[in-house]
Amino acid sequence: MEPHGPGSVLFGCELTASTKSYTFQVDEEDDSDHVLALSVVCLTDGAKDECNVVEVVGRNHENQEIAVPVANLKLSCQPLLSLDNFKLQPPVTFRLAAGSGPVHLAGWHQIMHRDDASFEEEDDMSEEEIAPITPAKKERRKQ
C-alpha cells in the first residue's frame, strides 16, 4: 500500500519534558491490519541546543520489550531526520530518552481492511486439488 493512498491517515505526536512518551495503539477488537509509517522526526519551536534522543519501545520476536534509539537530534547540527516511512506494528511507544524536546514525530497510519469475501476466495483456492507435475515424455525417433 502506498503511504499516502486510501486507508492512510496522517499521524503526529510531540514529545516534551513534561510528556516524555506516547503510545500508538489500536483497538484489539479491530479486524484490520495497521502499520505506522514514520516519515520525519524533528525538533520544533522552543527546542534547546541539546541532544534529544528518541527511542522506539516495542516487542521482539521473543515478546520481550526492547527500546531502540531511532533519532539523536540537536538544534545546531541535526534538527530533523527523515525516516523514509519506517514501518512499525502497533502497539509501539515513542520515548524521549534524553533531552527536553519538543520533538515532533510525523508519518502515516496505514489501515488495511480485511475483506471477508477475499479471504473466503483464497481459502477455496487453497482447497482445490492441484494435479501433480509429471515429467515430459520423450518422443522416440523411428529408425
N, C-alpha and C. Protein backbone atom coordinates (compact mmCIF):
# COMPACT_ATOMS: atom_id res chain seq x y z
N MET A 1 0.84 -1.17 0.00
CA MET A 1 0.00 0.00 0.00
C MET A 1 0.89 1.23 0.00
N GLU A 2 0.56 2.21 -0.82
CA GLU A 2 1.29 3.46 -0.87
C GLU A 2 1.06 4.22 0.43
N PRO A 3 2.08 4.94 0.94
CA PRO A 3 1.93 5.62 2.22
C PRO A 3 0.86 6.69 2.22
N HIS A 4 0.50 7.25 1.05
CA HIS A 4 -0.49 8.31 1.02
C HIS A 4 -1.77 7.86 0.34
N GLY A 5 -1.95 6.58 0.13
CA GLY A 5 -3.11 6.05 -0.58
C GLY A 5 -4.32 5.91 0.30
N PRO A 6 -5.39 5.33 -0.27
CA PRO A 6 -6.60 5.10 0.51
C PRO A 6 -6.28 4.25 1.74
N GLY A 7 -6.92 4.56 2.84
CA GLY A 7 -6.68 3.81 4.07
C GLY A 7 -5.51 4.34 4.86
N SER A 8 -4.97 5.51 4.46
CA SER A 8 -3.87 6.13 5.20
C SER A 8 -4.35 7.44 5.80
N VAL A 9 -4.03 7.65 7.06
CA VAL A 9 -4.35 8.91 7.72
C VAL A 9 -3.07 9.48 8.34
N LEU A 10 -3.01 10.78 8.37
CA LEU A 10 -1.85 11.47 8.91
C LEU A 10 -1.69 11.15 10.40
N PHE A 11 -0.43 10.95 10.81
CA PHE A 11 -0.12 10.67 12.22
C PHE A 11 0.87 11.72 12.70
N GLY A 12 0.72 12.13 13.94
CA GLY A 12 1.68 13.04 14.54
C GLY A 12 1.60 12.98 16.05
N CYS A 13 2.73 13.17 16.71
CA CYS A 13 2.75 13.28 18.16
C CYS A 13 3.95 14.13 18.55
N GLU A 14 3.93 14.66 19.77
CA GLU A 14 5.01 15.51 20.24
C GLU A 14 5.49 15.00 21.59
N LEU A 15 6.81 14.92 21.73
CA LEU A 15 7.44 14.52 22.98
C LEU A 15 8.11 15.74 23.59
N THR A 16 7.87 15.96 24.88
CA THR A 16 8.42 17.13 25.58
C THR A 16 8.95 16.71 26.94
N ALA A 17 9.50 17.67 27.68
CA ALA A 17 9.98 17.40 29.03
C ALA A 17 8.85 16.94 29.94
N SER A 18 7.63 17.44 29.71
CA SER A 18 6.50 17.04 30.55
C SER A 18 5.75 15.82 30.01
N THR A 19 5.86 15.56 28.70
CA THR A 19 5.24 14.38 28.09
C THR A 19 6.34 13.60 27.38
N LYS A 20 7.01 12.74 28.14
CA LYS A 20 8.20 12.03 27.65
C LYS A 20 7.88 10.84 26.75
N SER A 21 6.63 10.37 26.73
CA SER A 21 6.33 9.20 25.91
C SER A 21 4.93 9.32 25.30
N TYR A 22 4.77 8.58 24.20
CA TYR A 22 3.48 8.50 23.52
C TYR A 22 3.35 7.06 23.01
N THR A 23 2.21 6.43 23.28
CA THR A 23 1.97 5.07 22.82
C THR A 23 0.93 5.08 21.71
N PHE A 24 1.30 4.49 20.58
CA PHE A 24 0.38 4.33 19.45
C PHE A 24 -0.17 2.92 19.52
N GLN A 25 -1.49 2.82 19.68
CA GLN A 25 -2.12 1.50 19.74
C GLN A 25 -3.46 1.55 19.04
N VAL A 26 -3.96 0.39 18.69
CA VAL A 26 -5.26 0.29 18.02
C VAL A 26 -6.16 -0.60 18.86
N ASP A 27 -7.44 -0.52 18.59
CA ASP A 27 -8.43 -1.34 19.29
C ASP A 27 -8.16 -2.82 19.01
N GLU A 28 -8.02 -3.61 20.05
CA GLU A 28 -7.73 -5.04 19.89
C GLU A 28 -8.84 -5.77 19.14
N GLU A 29 -10.05 -5.24 19.18
CA GLU A 29 -11.19 -5.86 18.51
C GLU A 29 -11.22 -5.53 17.01
N ASP A 30 -10.41 -4.57 16.59
CA ASP A 30 -10.38 -4.15 15.18
C ASP A 30 -9.81 -5.29 14.35
N ASP A 31 -10.51 -5.65 13.28
CA ASP A 31 -10.11 -6.77 12.44
C ASP A 31 -9.18 -6.35 11.30
N SER A 32 -8.83 -5.06 11.23
CA SER A 32 -7.97 -4.56 10.16
C SER A 32 -6.50 -4.72 10.55
N ASP A 33 -5.63 -4.67 9.54
CA ASP A 33 -4.19 -4.65 9.78
C ASP A 33 -3.75 -3.20 9.83
N HIS A 34 -2.90 -2.87 10.79
CA HIS A 34 -2.45 -1.49 10.99
C HIS A 34 -0.93 -1.43 10.91
N VAL A 35 -0.43 -0.39 10.24
CA VAL A 35 1.00 -0.13 10.16
C VAL A 35 1.19 1.36 10.38
N LEU A 36 2.19 1.70 11.17
CA LEU A 36 2.55 3.10 11.36
C LEU A 36 3.84 3.33 10.58
N ALA A 37 3.79 4.21 9.59
CA ALA A 37 4.95 4.52 8.76
C ALA A 37 5.45 5.90 9.15
N LEU A 38 6.58 5.96 9.87
CA LEU A 38 7.13 7.25 10.31
C LEU A 38 7.92 7.89 9.18
N SER A 39 7.66 9.17 8.93
CA SER A 39 8.34 9.89 7.86
C SER A 39 9.43 10.80 8.39
N VAL A 40 9.16 11.51 9.48
CA VAL A 40 10.12 12.51 9.96
C VAL A 40 10.06 12.64 11.47
N VAL A 41 11.22 12.95 12.05
CA VAL A 41 11.34 13.30 13.46
C VAL A 41 12.08 14.63 13.46
N CYS A 42 11.51 15.64 14.11
CA CYS A 42 12.16 16.95 14.09
C CYS A 42 11.95 17.72 15.38
N LEU A 43 12.93 18.59 15.67
CA LEU A 43 12.80 19.50 16.79
C LEU A 43 11.85 20.62 16.38
N THR A 44 11.03 21.08 17.30
CA THR A 44 10.08 22.14 16.99
C THR A 44 10.39 23.37 17.82
N ASP A 45 9.60 24.41 17.61
CA ASP A 45 9.81 25.70 18.25
C ASP A 45 9.96 25.56 19.77
N GLY A 46 11.01 26.18 20.30
CA GLY A 46 11.27 26.14 21.73
C GLY A 46 12.33 25.12 22.13
N ALA A 47 12.86 24.37 21.16
CA ALA A 47 13.88 23.36 21.48
C ALA A 47 15.20 24.04 21.86
N LYS A 48 15.90 23.45 22.80
CA LYS A 48 17.22 23.93 23.22
C LYS A 48 18.28 23.22 22.39
N ASP A 49 19.49 23.77 22.39
CA ASP A 49 20.59 23.15 21.67
C ASP A 49 21.20 22.05 22.55
N GLU A 50 20.50 20.95 22.66
CA GLU A 50 20.94 19.79 23.45
C GLU A 50 20.60 18.52 22.66
N CYS A 51 21.22 17.42 23.03
CA CYS A 51 20.90 16.15 22.36
C CYS A 51 19.53 15.67 22.82
N ASN A 52 18.68 15.36 21.85
CA ASN A 52 17.35 14.81 22.11
C ASN A 52 17.32 13.43 21.47
N VAL A 53 17.28 12.41 22.29
CA VAL A 53 17.29 11.03 21.81
C VAL A 53 15.88 10.47 21.88
N VAL A 54 15.38 10.01 20.72
CA VAL A 54 14.06 9.40 20.64
C VAL A 54 14.22 7.90 20.47
N GLU A 55 13.54 7.15 21.33
CA GLU A 55 13.56 5.69 21.27
C GLU A 55 12.20 5.16 20.85
N VAL A 56 12.23 4.01 20.17
CA VAL A 56 11.01 3.26 19.89
C VAL A 56 11.02 2.07 20.83
N VAL A 57 9.96 1.90 21.57
CA VAL A 57 9.83 0.78 22.51
C VAL A 57 8.78 -0.17 21.95
N GLY A 58 9.20 -1.40 21.73
CA GLY A 58 8.28 -2.41 21.19
C GLY A 58 8.62 -3.77 21.74
N ARG A 59 8.22 -4.80 21.01
CA ARG A 59 8.49 -6.18 21.43
C ARG A 59 9.27 -6.89 20.34
N ASN A 60 10.21 -7.74 20.75
CA ASN A 60 10.99 -8.52 19.79
C ASN A 60 10.30 -9.85 19.50
N HIS A 61 10.97 -10.71 18.75
CA HIS A 61 10.38 -12.00 18.35
C HIS A 61 10.11 -12.93 19.53
N GLU A 62 10.75 -12.67 20.69
CA GLU A 62 10.52 -13.47 21.89
C GLU A 62 9.51 -12.79 22.82
N ASN A 63 8.83 -11.75 22.31
CA ASN A 63 7.83 -10.98 23.04
C ASN A 63 8.40 -10.26 24.26
N GLN A 64 9.71 -9.94 24.21
CA GLN A 64 10.34 -9.17 25.26
C GLN A 64 10.38 -7.71 24.84
N GLU A 65 10.17 -6.81 25.80
CA GLU A 65 10.20 -5.39 25.49
C GLU A 65 11.63 -4.96 25.18
N ILE A 66 11.77 -4.19 24.09
CA ILE A 66 13.07 -3.65 23.72
C ILE A 66 12.91 -2.18 23.38
N ALA A 67 13.97 -1.41 23.64
CA ALA A 67 13.98 0.02 23.31
C ALA A 67 15.13 0.25 22.34
N VAL A 68 14.81 0.87 21.20
CA VAL A 68 15.80 1.10 20.16
C VAL A 68 15.83 2.60 19.84
N PRO A 69 16.99 3.24 19.98
CA PRO A 69 17.06 4.65 19.60
C PRO A 69 16.95 4.81 18.08
N VAL A 70 16.10 5.72 17.63
CA VAL A 70 15.93 5.94 16.19
C VAL A 70 16.36 7.33 15.76
N ALA A 71 16.54 8.25 16.71
CA ALA A 71 16.96 9.60 16.34
C ALA A 71 17.73 10.25 17.48
N ASN A 72 18.78 10.99 17.11
CA ASN A 72 19.53 11.82 18.05
C ASN A 72 19.61 13.20 17.41
N LEU A 73 18.77 14.10 17.88
CA LEU A 73 18.64 15.42 17.27
C LEU A 73 19.25 16.51 18.14
N LYS A 74 19.89 17.48 17.48
CA LYS A 74 20.45 18.64 18.16
C LYS A 74 20.20 19.85 17.28
N LEU A 75 19.70 20.91 17.85
CA LEU A 75 19.28 22.09 17.10
C LEU A 75 20.39 22.64 16.20
N SER A 76 21.63 22.68 16.68
CA SER A 76 22.72 23.30 15.93
C SER A 76 23.29 22.43 14.82
N CYS A 77 23.05 21.11 14.84
CA CYS A 77 23.67 20.26 13.81
C CYS A 77 22.71 19.32 13.08
N GLN A 78 21.68 18.83 13.74
CA GLN A 78 20.72 17.96 13.07
C GLN A 78 19.35 18.13 13.72
N PRO A 79 18.59 19.15 13.26
CA PRO A 79 17.29 19.38 13.87
C PRO A 79 16.18 18.51 13.30
N LEU A 80 16.47 17.78 12.20
CA LEU A 80 15.44 16.99 11.54
C LEU A 80 16.06 15.71 10.99
N LEU A 81 15.29 14.64 11.03
CA LEU A 81 15.74 13.35 10.48
C LEU A 81 14.61 12.74 9.68
N SER A 82 14.89 12.41 8.41
CA SER A 82 13.91 11.73 7.57
C SER A 82 14.03 10.23 7.80
N LEU A 83 12.91 9.57 8.07
CA LEU A 83 12.91 8.13 8.35
C LEU A 83 12.38 7.30 7.18
N ASP A 84 12.03 7.95 6.07
CA ASP A 84 11.64 7.25 4.84
C ASP A 84 10.57 6.19 5.08
N ASN A 85 9.50 6.58 5.77
CA ASN A 85 8.37 5.68 6.05
C ASN A 85 8.80 4.40 6.78
N PHE A 86 9.53 4.58 7.86
CA PHE A 86 9.96 3.50 8.75
C PHE A 86 8.71 2.84 9.33
N LYS A 87 8.47 1.58 8.98
CA LYS A 87 7.21 0.90 9.31
C LYS A 87 7.29 0.17 10.65
N LEU A 88 6.24 0.37 11.46
CA LEU A 88 6.13 -0.24 12.78
C LEU A 88 4.74 -0.82 12.95
N GLN A 89 4.65 -1.92 13.69
CA GLN A 89 3.37 -2.56 14.00
C GLN A 89 2.94 -2.13 15.41
N PRO A 90 1.71 -1.66 15.58
CA PRO A 90 1.25 -1.29 16.92
C PRO A 90 1.03 -2.51 17.79
N PRO A 91 1.08 -2.39 19.09
CA PRO A 91 1.35 -1.17 19.82
C PRO A 91 2.84 -0.84 19.86
N VAL A 92 3.14 0.44 19.81
CA VAL A 92 4.52 0.91 19.87
C VAL A 92 4.55 2.21 20.66
N THR A 93 5.59 2.38 21.46
CA THR A 93 5.73 3.58 22.28
C THR A 93 6.96 4.36 21.81
N PHE A 94 6.80 5.68 21.72
CA PHE A 94 7.91 6.56 21.42
C PHE A 94 8.28 7.26 22.72
N ARG A 95 9.59 7.29 23.00
CA ARG A 95 10.03 7.84 24.28
C ARG A 95 11.18 8.82 24.06
N LEU A 96 11.12 9.95 24.74
CA LEU A 96 12.21 10.91 24.73
C LEU A 96 13.18 10.47 25.82
N ALA A 97 14.23 9.75 25.42
CA ALA A 97 15.16 9.15 26.37
C ALA A 97 16.15 10.16 26.92
N ALA A 98 16.43 11.22 26.15
CA ALA A 98 17.34 12.28 26.59
C ALA A 98 16.88 13.58 25.98
N GLY A 99 17.14 14.68 26.68
CA GLY A 99 16.75 15.99 26.18
C GLY A 99 15.37 16.38 26.66
N SER A 100 14.99 17.62 26.32
CA SER A 100 13.70 18.13 26.78
C SER A 100 12.74 18.45 25.65
N GLY A 101 13.20 18.25 24.39
CA GLY A 101 12.32 18.50 23.25
C GLY A 101 12.04 19.98 23.08
N PRO A 102 10.93 20.33 22.50
CA PRO A 102 9.92 19.44 21.93
C PRO A 102 10.38 18.79 20.63
N VAL A 103 10.06 17.49 20.51
CA VAL A 103 10.36 16.70 19.32
C VAL A 103 9.03 16.25 18.73
N HIS A 104 8.87 16.48 17.43
CA HIS A 104 7.63 16.09 16.75
C HIS A 104 7.90 14.90 15.85
N LEU A 105 7.05 13.89 15.90
CA LEU A 105 7.12 12.73 15.01
C LEU A 105 5.92 12.80 14.07
N ALA A 106 6.16 12.56 12.79
CA ALA A 106 5.07 12.61 11.82
C ALA A 106 5.18 11.44 10.86
N GLY A 107 4.04 11.00 10.36
CA GLY A 107 4.02 9.89 9.42
C GLY A 107 2.60 9.57 9.01
N TRP A 108 2.40 8.30 8.67
CA TRP A 108 1.12 7.83 8.16
C TRP A 108 0.67 6.58 8.91
N HIS A 109 -0.59 6.58 9.32
CA HIS A 109 -1.21 5.39 9.91
C HIS A 109 -1.93 4.69 8.77
N GLN A 110 -1.42 3.55 8.36
CA GLN A 110 -1.98 2.80 7.24
C GLN A 110 -2.91 1.72 7.78
N ILE A 111 -4.13 1.70 7.23
CA ILE A 111 -5.14 0.74 7.66
C ILE A 111 -5.52 -0.12 6.47
N MET A 112 -5.28 -1.43 6.57
CA MET A 112 -5.64 -2.36 5.51
C MET A 112 -6.83 -3.17 6.01
N HIS A 113 -7.99 -2.88 5.44
CA HIS A 113 -9.22 -3.59 5.85
C HIS A 113 -9.22 -4.98 5.24
N ARG A 114 -9.54 -5.94 6.07
CA ARG A 114 -9.63 -7.32 5.58
C ARG A 114 -11.01 -7.51 4.97
N ASP A 115 -11.02 -8.00 3.73
CA ASP A 115 -12.28 -8.24 3.04
C ASP A 115 -12.64 -9.70 3.24
N ASP A 116 -13.69 -9.96 3.99
CA ASP A 116 -14.07 -11.34 4.30
C ASP A 116 -14.25 -12.17 3.04
N ALA A 117 -14.80 -11.60 1.98
CA ALA A 117 -15.04 -12.34 0.74
C ALA A 117 -13.71 -12.76 0.11
N SER A 118 -12.71 -11.89 0.15
CA SER A 118 -11.43 -12.24 -0.46
C SER A 118 -10.74 -13.36 0.31
N PHE A 119 -10.89 -13.36 1.65
CA PHE A 119 -10.30 -14.45 2.43
C PHE A 119 -10.97 -15.78 2.10
N GLU A 120 -12.30 -15.76 1.90
CA GLU A 120 -13.01 -16.99 1.54
C GLU A 120 -12.55 -17.50 0.19
N GLU A 121 -12.35 -16.58 -0.76
CA GLU A 121 -11.87 -16.98 -2.08
C GLU A 121 -10.50 -17.62 -1.98
N GLU A 122 -9.61 -17.02 -1.17
CA GLU A 122 -8.27 -17.58 -1.00
C GLU A 122 -8.35 -18.96 -0.39
N ASP A 123 -9.24 -19.14 0.61
CA ASP A 123 -9.39 -20.45 1.24
C ASP A 123 -9.88 -21.48 0.23
N ASP A 124 -10.85 -21.10 -0.63
CA ASP A 124 -11.36 -22.01 -1.64
C ASP A 124 -10.25 -22.43 -2.60
N MET A 125 -9.42 -21.49 -2.97
CA MET A 125 -8.34 -21.79 -3.90
C MET A 125 -7.34 -22.76 -3.29
N SER A 126 -7.07 -22.60 -1.99
CA SER A 126 -6.09 -23.47 -1.36
C SER A 126 -6.62 -24.89 -1.19
N GLU A 127 -7.94 -25.06 -1.20
CA GLU A 127 -8.52 -26.39 -1.03
C GLU A 127 -8.61 -27.14 -2.35
N GLU A 128 -8.50 -26.45 -3.48
CA GLU A 128 -8.58 -27.12 -4.77
C GLU A 128 -7.41 -28.07 -4.92
N GLU A 129 -7.68 -29.19 -5.57
CA GLU A 129 -6.60 -30.13 -5.81
C GLU A 129 -5.82 -29.70 -7.02
N ILE A 130 -4.53 -29.79 -6.89
CA ILE A 130 -3.65 -29.43 -8.00
C ILE A 130 -3.04 -30.71 -8.53
N ALA A 131 -3.10 -30.86 -9.84
CA ALA A 131 -2.57 -32.07 -10.46
C ALA A 131 -1.07 -32.13 -10.23
N PRO A 132 -0.55 -33.33 -9.96
CA PRO A 132 0.89 -33.45 -9.74
C PRO A 132 1.65 -33.15 -11.04
N ILE A 133 2.85 -32.66 -10.86
CA ILE A 133 3.69 -32.37 -12.01
C ILE A 133 4.36 -33.66 -12.45
N THR A 134 4.22 -33.97 -13.71
CA THR A 134 4.84 -35.19 -14.25
C THR A 134 5.88 -34.79 -15.27
N PRO A 135 6.94 -35.57 -15.39
CA PRO A 135 7.97 -35.21 -16.35
C PRO A 135 7.46 -35.37 -17.79
N ALA A 136 8.01 -34.56 -18.66
CA ALA A 136 7.61 -34.63 -20.07
C ALA A 136 8.09 -35.95 -20.67
N LYS A 137 7.30 -36.51 -21.58
CA LYS A 137 7.69 -37.76 -22.24
C LYS A 137 8.54 -37.42 -23.45
N LYS A 138 9.61 -38.20 -23.61
CA LYS A 138 10.47 -38.00 -24.78
C LYS A 138 9.85 -38.70 -25.97
N GLU A 139 9.95 -38.05 -27.08
CA GLU A 139 9.48 -38.70 -28.30
C GLU A 139 10.62 -39.57 -28.81
N ARG A 140 10.28 -40.77 -29.19
CA ARG A 140 11.33 -41.67 -29.72
C ARG A 140 11.32 -41.56 -31.24
N ARG A 141 12.47 -41.46 -31.78
CA ARG A 141 12.59 -41.39 -33.23
C ARG A 141 12.55 -42.80 -33.80
N LYS A 142 11.86 -42.91 -34.88
CA LYS A 142 11.80 -44.20 -35.54
C LYS A 142 13.02 -44.34 -36.43
N GLN A 143 13.63 -45.46 -36.36
CA GLN A 143 14.84 -45.67 -37.18
C GLN A 143 14.58 -46.59 -38.32
